[in-house]
Amino acid sequence: MVPLLLVLLIVLVLFGAGFALEVLWYVAIAVLVLWLLGFLVRGSGSRWYRW
């Protein structure tokens, strides 16, 4: 019973990590698109952020 619970726990953790990593990819793509849009709209001379 305990090994079965451990295997299920490992599967749950791996599934959660895979889901989180996929969400992080979408967030990274969204940030890249926003950065590119801001760069194109304002031009290279004036930036819309203060990084």
C-alpha atoms as a PDB file:
ATOM      1  CA  MET A   1       0.000   0.000   0.000  1.00  0.00           C
ATOM      2  CA  VAL A   2       2.793   2.434   0.878  1.00  0.00           C
ATOM      3  CA  PRO A   3       4.744   1.863  -2.393  1.00  0.00           C
ATOM      4  CA  LEU A   4       1.553   2.472  -4.370  1.00  0.00           C
ATOM      5  CA  LEU A   5       1.006   5.758  -2.549  1.00  0.00           C
ATOM      6  CA  LEU A   6       4.619   6.763  -3.161  1.00  0.00           C
ATOM      7  CA  VAL A   7       4.311   6.026  -6.877  1.00  0.00           C
ATOM      8  CA  LEU A   8       1.068   8.004  -7.067  1.00  0.00           C
ATOM      9  CA  LEU A   9       2.700  10.885  -5.215  1.00  0.00           C
ATOM     10  CA  ILE A  10       5.656  10.880  -7.619  1.00  0.00           C
ATOM     11  CA  VAL A  11       3.306  10.831 -10.608  1.00  0.00           C
ATOM     12  CA  LEU A  12       1.334  13.727  -9.135  1.00  0.00           C
ATOM     13  CA  VAL A  13       4.494  15.768  -8.541  1.00  0.00           C
ATOM     14  CA  LEU A  14       5.788  15.104 -12.056  1.00  0.00           C
ATOM     15  CA  PHE A  15       2.417  15.977 -13.577  1.00  0.00           C
ATOM     16  CA  GLY A  16       2.297  19.204 -11.553  1.00  0.00           C
ATOM     17  CA  ALA A  17       5.846  20.143 -12.574  1.00  0.00           C
ATOM     18  CA  GLY A  18       5.063  19.480 -16.234  1.00  0.00           C
ATOM     19  CA  PHE A  19       1.953  21.628 -16.035  1.00  0.00           C
ATOM     20  CA  ALA A  20       3.851  24.419 -14.272  1.00  0.00           C
ATOM     21  CA  LEU A  21       6.643  24.325 -16.846  1.00  0.00           C
ATOM     22  CA  GLU A  22       4.130  24.503 -19.691  1.00  0.00           C
ATOM     23  CA  VAL A  23       2.449  27.499 -18.061  1.00  0.00           C
ATOM     24  CA  LEU A  24       5.854  29.165 -17.643  1.00  0.00           C
ATOM     25  CA  TRP A  25       6.505  28.721 -21.375  1.00  0.00           C
ATOM     26  CA  TYR A  26       3.236  30.518 -22.139  1.00  0.00           C
ATOM     27  CA  VAL A  27       4.129  33.320 -19.722  1.00  0.00           C
ATOM     28  CA  ALA A  28       7.574  33.691 -21.304  1.00  0.00           C
ATOM     29  CA  ILE A  29       6.067  33.862 -24.795  1.00  0.00           C
ATOM     30  CA  ALA A  30       3.519  36.473 -23.648  1.00  0.00           C
ATOM     31  CA  VAL A  31       6.275  38.627 -22.114  1.00  0.00           C
ATOM     32  CA  LEU A  32       8.358  38.354 -25.274  1.00  0.00           C
ATOM     33  CA  VAL A  33       5.405  39.402 -27.441  1.00  0.00           C
ATOM     34  CA  LEU A  34       4.652  42.377 -25.167  1.00  0.00           C
ATOM     35  CA  TRP A  35       8.292  43.423 -25.224  1.00  0.00           C
ATOM     36  CA  LEU A  36       8.450  43.221 -29.017  1.00  0.00           C
ATOM     37  CA  LEU A  37       5.195  45.163 -29.399  1.00  0.00           C
ATOM     38  CA  GLY A  38       6.435  47.856 -27.047  1.00  0.00           C
ATOM     39  CA  PHE A  39       9.713  48.040 -28.911  1.00  0.00           C
ATOM     40  CA  LEU A  40       8.004  48.333 -32.294  1.00  0.00           C
ATOM     41  CA  VAL A  41       5.330  50.813 -31.197  1.00  0.00           C
ATOM     42  CA  ARG A  42       7.676  53.219 -29.428  1.00  0.00           C
ATOM     43  CA  GLY A  43      10.700  52.708 -31.643  1.00  0.00           C
ATOM     44  CA  SER A  44      14.236  52.107 -30.529  1.00  0.00           C
ATOM     45  CA  GLY A  45      14.785  55.658 -29.218  1.00  0.00           C
ATOM     46  CA  SER A  46      12.285  55.739 -26.372  1.00  0.00           C
ATOM     47  CA  ARG A  47      11.415  52.670 -24.379  1.00  0.00           C
ATOM     48  CA  TRP A  48       8.089  52.045 -22.654  1.00  0.00           C
ATOM     49  CA  TYR A  49       9.751  50.414 -19.663  1.00  0.00           C
ATOM     50  CA  ARG A  50      12.549  51.348 -17.267  1.00  0.00           C
ATOM     51  CA  TRP A  51      14.790  48.273 -17.294  1.00  0.00           C
END
